[in-house]
């Protein structure tokens, strides 16, 4: 496996001691960006990369493999094969993102997690002493918001560090005018 795609294990990431920033204006040391590798998560990655570069921070590009609903009927071998395939696909998709970060002089890693994305992101951020989580915001509104689980909203509600939600460019907010 090329070095650029070499995944890291959570055990490879040691929480940094809490020391004063080395550079003036440095706020973040470790930034976690959640991605599902869709165009909707691209703006979140770009913002996370920009902040990592400005702060000289480490960037953890995180993807969560959601356990299939059919897990109860899967054999152990089937689950192992599914998990291996999910990790392999994530490592393949993150290669260009890692390269972009390294081209900008940012130390970046892939972190492939298992479970529901919001749970996995919050737990990893806490264990790894992340200073900032960057996630894309969903586009559900009104009644559909009740039926679709918002990962960004769950992360914001439960994270123990700062969370930045980034909306896709085409998303407009409409406010009612009062007369």
C-alpha atoms as a PDB file:
ATOM      1  CA  UNK A   1       0.000   0.000   0.000  1.00  0.00           C
ATOM      2  CA  UNK A   2       1.494   3.379  -0.924  1.00  0.00           C
ATOM      3  CA  UNK A   3       2.542   5.471   2.059  1.00  0.00           C
ATOM      4  CA  UNK A   4      -0.001   8.153   1.185  1.00  0.00           C
ATOM      5  CA  UNK A   5      -2.874   5.699   1.681  1.00  0.00           C
ATOM      6  CA  UNK A   6      -1.491   4.033   4.775  1.00  0.00           C
ATOM      7  CA  UNK A   7      -4.312   4.225   7.313  1.00  0.00           C
ATOM      8  CA  UNK A   8      -3.547   5.079  10.873  1.00  0.00           C
ATOM      9  CA  UNK A   9      -4.925   3.268  13.848  1.00  0.00           C
ATOM     10  CA  UNK A  10      -6.425   5.214  16.704  1.00  0.00           C
ATOM     11  CA  UNK A  11      -3.633   3.780  18.869  1.00  0.00           C
ATOM     12  CA  UNK A  12      -1.098   5.539  16.600  1.00  0.00           C
ATOM     13  CA  UNK A  13      -2.550   8.923  17.527  1.00  0.00           C
ATOM     14  CA  UNK A  14      -1.403  10.034  20.920  1.00  0.00           C
ATOM     15  CA  UNK A  15      -3.342  12.847  22.568  1.00  0.00           C
ATOM     16  CA  UNK A  16      -1.135  15.906  22.548  1.00  0.00           C
ATOM     17  CA  UNK A  17      -0.351  17.441  25.920  1.00  0.00           C
ATOM     18  CA  UNK A  18      -2.210  20.662  26.515  1.00  0.00           C
ATOM     19  CA  UNK A  19       0.491  23.279  26.044  1.00  0.00           C
ATOM     20  CA  UNK A  20       0.219  26.899  25.022  1.00  0.00           C
ATOM     21  CA  UNK A  21       0.155  27.345  21.239  1.00  0.00           C
ATOM     22  CA  UNK A  22       3.589  27.464  19.590  1.00  0.00           C
ATOM     23  CA  UNK A  23       2.475  29.983  16.988  1.00  0.00           C
ATOM     24  CA  UNK A  24       0.657  33.206  17.758  1.00  0.00           C
ATOM     25  CA  UNK A  25      -2.991  32.947  16.806  1.00  0.00           C
ATOM     26  CA  UNK A  26      -2.952  29.139  16.721  1.00  0.00           C
ATOM     27  CA  UNK A  27      -6.247  27.908  18.096  1.00  0.00           C
ATOM     28  CA  UNK A  28      -6.448  24.302  16.900  1.00  0.00           C
ATOM     29  CA  UNK A  29      -3.889  21.500  17.095  1.00  0.00           C
ATOM     30  CA  UNK A  30      -5.999  18.583  15.850  1.00  0.00           C
ATOM     31  CA  UNK A  31      -8.989  18.921  13.508  1.00  0.00           C
ATOM     32  CA  UNK A  32     -11.319  16.065  12.625  1.00  0.00           C
ATOM     33  CA  UNK A  33     -13.248  16.323   9.348  1.00  0.00           C
ATOM     34  CA  UNK A  34     -16.104  13.899   8.784  1.00  0.00           C
ATOM     35  CA  UNK A  35     -16.675  12.838   5.192  1.00  0.00           C
ATOM     36  CA  UNK A  36     -18.871  10.431   3.292  1.00  0.00           C
ATOM     37  CA  UNK A  37     -16.918  11.212   0.098  1.00  0.00           C
ATOM     38  CA  UNK A  38     -19.895  12.878  -1.584  1.00  0.00           C
ATOM     39  CA  UNK A  39     -19.937  16.353  -3.098  1.00  0.00           C
ATOM     40  CA  UNK A  40     -21.979  17.482  -0.085  1.00  0.00           C
ATOM     41  CA  UNK A  41     -19.023  16.819   2.224  1.00  0.00           C
ATOM     42  CA  UNK A  42     -16.474  18.570  -0.029  1.00  0.00           C
ATOM     43  CA  UNK A  43     -17.037  22.083   1.424  1.00  0.00           C
ATOM     44  CA  UNK A  44     -16.511  20.720   4.952  1.00  0.00           C
ATOM     45  CA  UNK A  45     -13.214  19.125   3.914  1.00  0.00           C
ATOM     46  CA  UNK A  46     -12.075  22.319   2.207  1.00  0.00           C
ATOM     47  CA  UNK A  47     -12.868  24.399   5.303  1.00  0.00           C
ATOM     48  CA  UNK A  48     -11.165  21.879   7.601  1.00  0.00           C
ATOM     49  CA  UNK A  49      -8.074  21.905   5.380  1.00  0.00           C
ATOM     50  CA  UNK A  50      -7.996  25.703   5.354  1.00  0.00           C
ATOM     51  CA  UNK A  51      -8.212  25.857   9.156  1.00  0.00           C
ATOM     52  CA  UNK A  52      -5.581  23.137   9.565  1.00  0.00           C
ATOM     53  CA  UNK A  53      -3.189  25.054   7.330  1.00  0.00           C
ATOM     54  CA  UNK A  54      -3.813  28.356   9.154  1.00  0.00           C
ATOM     55  CA  UNK A  55      -3.235  26.758  12.541  1.00  0.00           C
ATOM     56  CA  UNK A  56      -0.486  24.288  11.682  1.00  0.00           C
ATOM     57  CA  UNK A  57      -2.890  21.615  12.916  1.00  0.00           C
ATOM     58  CA  UNK A  58      -3.034  17.901  12.240  1.00  0.00           C
ATOM     59  CA  UNK A  59      -6.009  16.900  10.059  1.00  0.00           C
ATOM     60  CA  UNK A  60      -7.902  13.662  10.666  1.00  0.00           C
ATOM     61  CA  UNK A  61     -10.050  12.799   7.647  1.00  0.00           C
ATOM     62  CA  UNK A  62     -12.697  10.555   9.106  1.00  0.00           C
ATOM     63  CA  UNK A  63     -15.138   8.178   7.452  1.00  0.00           C
ATOM     64  CA  UNK A  64     -17.561   5.963   9.324  1.00  0.00           C
ATOM     65  CA  UNK A  65     -18.651   2.611   7.971  1.00  0.00           C
ATOM     66  CA  UNK A  66     -22.213   2.186   9.154  1.00  0.00           C
ATOM     67  CA  UNK A  67     -22.893  -1.360  10.198  1.00  0.00           C
ATOM     68  CA  UNK A  68     -25.499  -2.900   7.874  1.00  0.00           C
ATOM     69  CA  UNK A  69     -28.963  -3.634   9.228  1.00  0.00           C
ATOM     70  CA  UNK A  70     -28.511  -7.234   8.165  1.00  0.00           C
ATOM     71  CA  UNK A  71     -25.746  -7.679  10.744  1.00  0.00           C
ATOM     72  CA  UNK A  72     -27.944  -9.999  12.799  1.00  0.00           C
ATOM     73  CA  UNK A  73     -28.101 -12.503   9.956  1.00  0.00           C
ATOM     74  CA  UNK A  74     -24.499 -12.105   8.778  1.00  0.00           C
ATOM     75  CA  UNK A  75     -21.924 -14.743   9.546  1.00  0.00           C
ATOM     76  CA  UNK A  76     -18.689 -13.685  11.197  1.00  0.00           C
ATOM     77  CA  UNK A  77     -16.877 -14.199   7.888  1.00  0.00           C
ATOM     78  CA  UNK A  78     -19.421 -12.037   6.044  1.00  0.00           C
ATOM     79  CA  UNK A  79     -19.037  -9.238   8.579  1.00  0.00           C
ATOM     80  CA  UNK A  80     -15.246  -9.410   8.317  1.00  0.00           C
ATOM     81  CA  UNK A  81     -15.426  -9.250   4.521  1.00  0.00           C
ATOM     82  CA  UNK A  82     -17.853  -6.303   4.662  1.00  0.00           C
ATOM     83  CA  UNK A  83     -15.633  -4.401   7.099  1.00  0.00           C
ATOM     84  CA  UNK A  84     -12.516  -5.057   5.005  1.00  0.00           C
ATOM     85  CA  UNK A  85     -14.276  -3.849   1.839  1.00  0.00           C
ATOM     86  CA  UNK A  86     -15.568  -0.706   3.576  1.00  0.00           C
ATOM     87  CA  UNK A  87     -12.101   0.153   4.880  1.00  0.00           C
ATOM     88  CA  UNK A  88     -10.527  -0.528   1.501  1.00  0.00           C
ATOM     89  CA  UNK A  89     -13.015   1.746  -0.292  1.00  0.00           C
ATOM     90  CA  UNK A  90     -12.496   4.516   2.287  1.00  0.00           C
ATOM     91  CA  UNK A  91      -8.712   4.293   1.943  1.00  0.00           C
ATOM     92  CA  UNK A  92      -9.045   4.500  -1.846  1.00  0.00           C
ATOM     93  CA  UNK A  93     -11.373   7.519  -1.704  1.00  0.00           C
ATOM     94  CA  UNK A  94      -9.296   9.424   0.827  1.00  0.00           C
ATOM     95  CA  UNK A  95      -6.082   9.257  -1.206  1.00  0.00           C
ATOM     96  CA  UNK A  96      -6.777  12.459  -3.174  1.00  0.00           C
ATOM     97  CA  UNK A  97      -7.823  14.281   0.027  1.00  0.00           C
ATOM     98  CA  UNK A  98      -4.622  13.248   1.805  1.00  0.00           C
ATOM     99  CA  UNK A  99      -2.607  14.406  -1.210  1.00  0.00           C
ATOM    100  CA  UNK A 100      -4.399  17.775  -1.260  1.00  0.00           C
ATOM    101  CA  UNK A 101      -3.617  18.261   2.422  1.00  0.00           C
ATOM    102  CA  UNK A 102       0.022  17.310   2.016  1.00  0.00           C
ATOM    103  CA  UNK A 103       0.332  19.647  -0.983  1.00  0.00           C
ATOM    104  CA  UNK A 104      -0.799  22.431   1.371  1.00  0.00           C
ATOM    105  CA  UNK A 105       1.798  21.386   3.962  1.00  0.00           C
ATOM    106  CA  UNK A 106      -0.772  19.856   6.331  1.00  0.00           C
ATOM    107  CA  UNK A 107      -0.110  16.630   8.199  1.00  0.00           C
ATOM    108  CA  UNK A 108      -3.160  14.475   7.392  1.00  0.00           C
ATOM    109  CA  UNK A 109      -4.357  10.984   8.272  1.00  0.00           C
ATOM    110  CA  UNK A 110      -7.296   8.764   7.455  1.00  0.00           C
ATOM    111  CA  UNK A 111      -9.352   7.482  10.331  1.00  0.00           C
ATOM    112  CA  UNK A 112     -11.884   4.803   9.355  1.00  0.00           C
ATOM    113  CA  UNK A 113     -14.461   4.192  12.061  1.00  0.00           C
ATOM    114  CA  UNK A 114     -17.303   1.716  12.476  1.00  0.00           C
ATOM    115  CA  UNK A 115     -20.834   2.536  13.558  1.00  0.00           C
ATOM    116  CA  UNK A 116     -23.248   5.390  13.136  1.00  0.00           C
ATOM    117  CA  UNK A 117     -21.354   8.425  11.870  1.00  0.00           C
ATOM    118  CA  UNK A 118     -22.371  10.839  14.625  1.00  0.00           C
ATOM    119  CA  UNK A 119     -21.575   8.374  17.428  1.00  0.00           C
ATOM    120  CA  UNK A 120     -18.248   7.402  15.871  1.00  0.00           C
ATOM    121  CA  UNK A 121     -17.195  11.013  15.254  1.00  0.00           C
ATOM    122  CA  UNK A 122     -18.044  12.204  18.770  1.00  0.00           C
ATOM    123  CA  UNK A 123     -16.338   9.236  20.440  1.00  0.00           C
ATOM    124  CA  UNK A 124     -13.187   9.488  18.295  1.00  0.00           C
ATOM    125  CA  UNK A 125     -12.937  13.242  18.856  1.00  0.00           C
ATOM    126  CA  UNK A 126     -13.114  12.766  22.607  1.00  0.00           C
ATOM    127  CA  UNK A 127     -10.605   9.888  22.706  1.00  0.00           C
ATOM    128  CA  UNK A 128      -8.125  11.670  20.421  1.00  0.00           C
ATOM    129  CA  UNK A 129      -8.385  15.092  22.102  1.00  0.00           C
ATOM    130  CA  UNK A 130      -9.623  16.821  18.952  1.00  0.00           C
ATOM    131  CA  UNK A 131      -9.953  20.615  19.190  1.00  0.00           C
ATOM    132  CA  UNK A 132     -12.433  21.045  16.327  1.00  0.00           C
ATOM    133  CA  UNK A 133     -14.842  18.834  14.396  1.00  0.00           C
ATOM    134  CA  UNK A 134     -15.853  19.968  10.900  1.00  0.00           C
ATOM    135  CA  UNK A 135     -18.918  18.348   9.311  1.00  0.00           C
ATOM    136  CA  UNK A 136     -21.190  19.110   6.408  1.00  0.00           C
ATOM    137  CA  UNK A 137     -24.737  20.173   7.203  1.00  0.00           C
ATOM    138  CA  UNK A 138     -27.617  18.254   5.689  1.00  0.00           C
ATOM    139  CA  UNK A 139     -30.226  19.786   3.425  1.00  0.00           C
ATOM    140  CA  UNK A 140     -33.361  18.405   5.037  1.00  0.00           C
ATOM    141  CA  UNK A 141     -35.997  20.911   6.033  1.00  0.00           C
ATOM    142  CA  UNK A 142     -39.463  20.883   7.509  1.00  0.00           C
ATOM    143  CA  UNK A 143     -41.141  17.517   7.915  1.00  0.00           C
ATOM    144  CA  UNK A 144     -38.342  15.583   6.184  1.00  0.00           C
ATOM    145  CA  UNK A 145     -35.994  16.680   8.983  1.00  0.00           C
ATOM    146  CA  UNK A 146     -38.146  14.663  11.386  1.00  0.00           C
ATOM    147  CA  UNK A 147     -37.633  11.480   9.390  1.00  0.00           C
ATOM    148  CA  UNK A 148     -33.960  11.784   8.482  1.00  0.00           C
ATOM    149  CA  UNK A 149     -31.309  11.754  11.153  1.00  0.00           C
ATOM    150  CA  UNK A 150     -29.071  14.808  10.956  1.00  0.00           C
ATOM    151  CA  UNK A 151     -25.474  13.788  11.615  1.00  0.00           C
ATOM    152  CA  UNK A 152     -24.358  17.403  11.991  1.00  0.00           C
ATOM    153  CA  UNK A 153     -27.098  18.165  14.532  1.00  0.00           C
ATOM    154  CA  UNK A 154     -26.240  15.083  16.583  1.00  0.00           C
ATOM    155  CA  UNK A 155     -22.518  15.929  16.554  1.00  0.00           C
ATOM    156  CA  UNK A 156     -23.203  19.526  17.613  1.00  0.00           C
ATOM    157  CA  UNK A 157     -25.446  18.342  20.441  1.00  0.00           C
ATOM    158  CA  UNK A 158     -23.030  15.777  21.839  1.00  0.00           C
ATOM    159  CA  UNK A 159     -19.448  16.845  21.073  1.00  0.00           C
ATOM    160  CA  UNK A 160     -17.198  17.998  23.888  1.00  0.00           C
ATOM    161  CA  UNK A 161     -15.190  20.282  21.580  1.00  0.00           C
ATOM    162  CA  UNK A 162     -16.001  23.001  19.063  1.00  0.00           C
ATOM    163  CA  UNK A 163     -17.999  21.924  15.996  1.00  0.00           C
ATOM    164  CA  UNK A 164     -18.129  23.767  12.693  1.00  0.00           C
ATOM    165  CA  UNK A 165     -20.964  22.863  10.335  1.00  0.00           C
ATOM    166  CA  UNK A 166     -20.455  23.782   6.701  1.00  0.00           C
ATOM    167  CA  UNK A 167     -23.365  24.106   4.281  1.00  0.00           C
ATOM    168  CA  UNK A 168     -23.054  23.233   0.607  1.00  0.00           C
ATOM    169  CA  UNK A 169     -22.741  26.308  -1.640  1.00  0.00           C
ATOM    170  CA  UNK A 170     -26.124  25.974  -3.384  1.00  0.00           C
ATOM    171  CA  UNK A 171     -28.036  25.934  -0.134  1.00  0.00           C
ATOM    172  CA  UNK A 172     -29.963  29.116   0.508  1.00  0.00           C
ATOM    173  CA  UNK A 173     -31.635  30.123   3.705  1.00  0.00           C
ATOM    174  CA  UNK A 174     -34.923  31.875   3.291  1.00  0.00           C
ATOM    175  CA  UNK A 175     -36.207  34.053   6.035  1.00  0.00           C
ATOM    176  CA  UNK A 176     -39.782  35.221   6.258  1.00  0.00           C
ATOM    177  CA  UNK A 177     -40.201  38.960   6.255  1.00  0.00           C
ATOM    178  CA  UNK A 178     -42.333  40.490   8.919  1.00  0.00           C
ATOM    179  CA  UNK A 179     -44.448  43.406   7.956  1.00  0.00           C
END
